[in-house]
Protein backbone atom coordinates (compact mmCIF):
# COMPACT_ATOMS: atom_id res chain seq x y z
CA UNK A 1 0.06 -0.09 -0.04
CA UNK A 2 1.49 3.23 -0.86
CA UNK A 3 2.06 6.10 1.77
CA UNK A 4 2.28 9.87 1.42
CA UNK A 5 5.85 11.10 1.70
CA UNK A 6 6.08 14.21 3.94
CA UNK A 7 8.97 16.63 3.77
CA UNK A 8 10.39 17.16 7.14
CA UNK A 9 12.12 20.39 8.47
CA UNK A 10 13.89 20.35 11.93
CA UNK A 11 10.69 21.75 13.40
CA UNK A 12 7.57 20.11 11.84
CA UNK A 13 6.69 18.56 8.41
CA UNK A 14 6.11 20.70 5.63
CA UNK A 15 2.30 20.54 4.64
CA UNK A 16 1.68 20.76 0.70
CA UNK A 17 0.30 23.51 -1.04
CA UNK A 18 -3.19 23.89 -1.71
CA UNK A 19 -5.60 26.58 -3.00
CA UNK A 20 -7.92 26.66 -0.01
CA UNK A 21 -5.33 28.08 2.28
CA UNK A 22 -5.06 31.75 2.17
CA UNK A 23 -1.08 32.16 2.69
CA UNK A 24 -0.97 29.71 -0.22
CA UNK A 25 -3.24 31.83 -2.39
CA UNK A 26 -1.60 35.06 -1.20
CA UNK A 27 2.06 33.59 -2.34
CA UNK A 28 0.57 31.92 -5.75
CA UNK A 29 -1.62 34.68 -7.07
CA UNK A 30 0.88 37.18 -8.42
CA UNK A 31 2.92 34.63 -10.54
CA UNK A 32 -0.39 33.18 -11.55
CA UNK A 33 -1.79 36.59 -12.74
CA UNK A 34 1.47 37.23 -14.34
CA UNK A 35 1.00 34.23 -16.55
CA UNK A 36 -2.46 34.47 -17.04
CA UNK A 37 -1.99 37.96 -18.43
CA UNK A 38 0.61 36.69 -20.70
CA UNK A 39 -1.63 33.60 -22.03
CA UNK A 40 -4.54 36.17 -22.54
CA UNK A 41 -2.21 38.17 -24.74
CA UNK A 42 -0.90 35.10 -26.66
CA UNK A 43 -4.33 33.78 -27.18
CA UNK A 44 -5.54 37.24 -28.18
CA UNK A 45 -8.50 37.45 -25.63
CA UNK A 46 -10.54 40.41 -25.43
CA UNK A 47 -11.39 41.62 -21.91
CA UNK A 48 -14.55 39.89 -21.67
CA UNK A 49 -13.15 36.66 -22.58
CA UNK A 50 -10.07 36.73 -20.11
CA UNK A 51 -12.30 38.12 -17.38
CA UNK A 52 -14.88 35.44 -17.80
CA UNK A 53 -12.02 32.53 -17.83
CA UNK A 54 -10.52 34.17 -14.78
CA UNK A 55 -13.87 34.43 -12.95
CA UNK A 56 -13.61 38.14 -12.53
CA UNK A 57 -15.55 41.36 -13.60
CA UNK A 58 -14.28 43.26 -16.63
CA UNK A 59 -13.70 46.10 -14.39
CA UNK A 60 -11.21 43.79 -12.23
CA UNK A 61 -9.66 42.33 -15.20
CA UNK A 62 -8.93 45.97 -16.33
CA UNK A 63 -7.17 46.53 -12.83
CA UNK A 64 -5.50 43.24 -13.31
CA UNK A 65 -4.17 44.10 -16.73
CA UNK A 66 -2.83 47.42 -15.37
CA UNK A 67 -1.02 45.82 -12.43
CA UNK A 68 -3.38 47.87 -10.02
CA UNK A 69 -4.76 44.88 -8.44
CA UNK A 70 -2.91 43.22 -5.67
CA UNK A 71 -5.37 41.19 -4.00
CA UNK A 72 -5.18 37.42 -3.81
CA UNK A 73 -6.95 35.14 -6.06
CA UNK A 74 -9.94 33.33 -4.72
CA UNK A 75 -9.84 29.40 -4.88
CA UNK A 76 -11.88 29.40 -7.86
CA UNK A 77 -9.77 31.88 -9.68
CA UNK A 78 -6.67 30.37 -8.91
CA UNK A 79 -8.13 26.89 -9.99
CA UNK A 80 -9.03 28.72 -13.41
CA UNK A 81 -5.80 30.48 -13.75
CA UNK A 82 -4.08 27.08 -13.14
CA UNK A 83 -6.18 25.24 -15.69
CA UNK A 84 -5.31 27.92 -18.18
CA UNK A 85 -1.87 28.06 -17.46
CA UNK A 86 -1.57 24.09 -17.65
CA UNK A 87 -3.71 24.24 -21.28
CA UNK A 88 -1.46 26.87 -22.60
CA UNK A 89 1.70 24.74 -21.49
CA UNK A 90 0.13 21.53 -23.00
CA UNK A 91 -0.85 23.28 -26.24
CA UNK A 92 2.87 24.50 -26.43
CA UNK A 93 4.01 20.90 -25.82
CA UNK A 94 1.58 19.52 -28.30
CA UNK A 95 2.26 21.91 -31.14
CA UNK A 96 5.31 23.36 -32.33
CA UNK A 97 4.05 26.08 -34.51
CA UNK A 98 1.61 28.76 -34.00
CA UNK A 99 -1.08 26.72 -33.65
CA UNK A 100 -0.66 26.29 -29.89
CA UNK A 101 -1.94 30.11 -29.62
CA UNK A 102 -4.62 29.82 -32.12
CA UNK A 103 -6.28 26.62 -31.22
CA UNK A 104 -8.00 28.02 -28.14
CA UNK A 105 -10.15 30.23 -30.54
CA UNK A 106 -10.59 27.70 -33.62
CA UNK A 107 -14.22 25.96 -33.76
CA UNK A 108 -13.82 22.41 -32.40
CA UNK A 109 -16.05 19.39 -33.40
CA UNK A 110 -15.13 17.36 -30.32
CA UNK A 111 -17.74 16.45 -27.87
CA UNK A 112 -16.39 18.91 -25.25
CA UNK A 113 -16.67 21.94 -27.36
CA UNK A 114 -19.83 21.23 -29.36
CA UNK A 115 -18.79 23.27 -32.42
CA UNK A 116 -17.65 26.39 -30.40
CA UNK A 117 -14.09 27.35 -29.72
CA UNK A 118 -12.42 25.81 -26.56
CA UNK A 119 -12.62 29.53 -24.99
CA UNK A 120 -16.17 29.95 -25.61
CA UNK A 121 -16.89 26.19 -24.13
CA UNK A 122 -14.66 27.06 -21.14
CA UNK A 123 -16.56 30.20 -20.25
CA UNK A 124 -19.93 28.56 -20.58
CA UNK A 125 -18.89 25.35 -18.81
CA UNK A 126 -16.58 27.00 -16.15
CA UNK A 127 -14.10 24.97 -13.91
CA UNK A 128 -15.12 21.61 -15.03
CA UNK A 129 -14.89 22.27 -18.71
CA UNK A 130 -11.65 23.89 -18.25
CA UNK A 131 -10.23 21.19 -16.42
CA UNK A 132 -11.44 18.89 -18.93
CA UNK A 133 -9.89 20.51 -21.87
CA UNK A 134 -6.76 20.70 -20.06
CA UNK A 135 -7.01 16.94 -19.50
CA UNK A 136 -8.01 16.26 -23.21
CA UNK A 137 -4.68 18.13 -24.61
CA UNK A 138 -2.91 16.27 -21.97
CA UNK A 139 -4.09 12.96 -22.97
CA UNK A 140 -3.60 13.99 -26.88
CA UNK A 141 0.05 14.61 -26.19
CA UNK A 142 0.40 11.62 -24.35
CA UNK A 143 1.03 13.13 -20.90
CA UNK A 144 -1.60 11.21 -18.83
């Protein structure tokens, strides 16, 4: 039977990070937002699309883009950012040309997307479809 491996310091075991703990979200939010801003540009997302994928209002997205928002992301928002960042990475491992950045906005016949673009499907379906899309790309590239 497998057991969990705990890293131990001189004082106490180190707890694995998770998005539920406020201190983990505070530490991870800034790099997640930098990465999400970059992929929003690479995918040519408009303000409404970027805001919807991240789970924020358009006015909050405007503040995030300007660097005028320094609050930690919520658990859901960090999950959304993580799914999008993982999808971005998976697409760049799968495609060696510009297809990686065009794919999210191309109409797709796959059952997850139902003739919509992946961006449209992820906005409509929220976190479950974002995670399913990431898993699909990872599976296609042989990463599962």
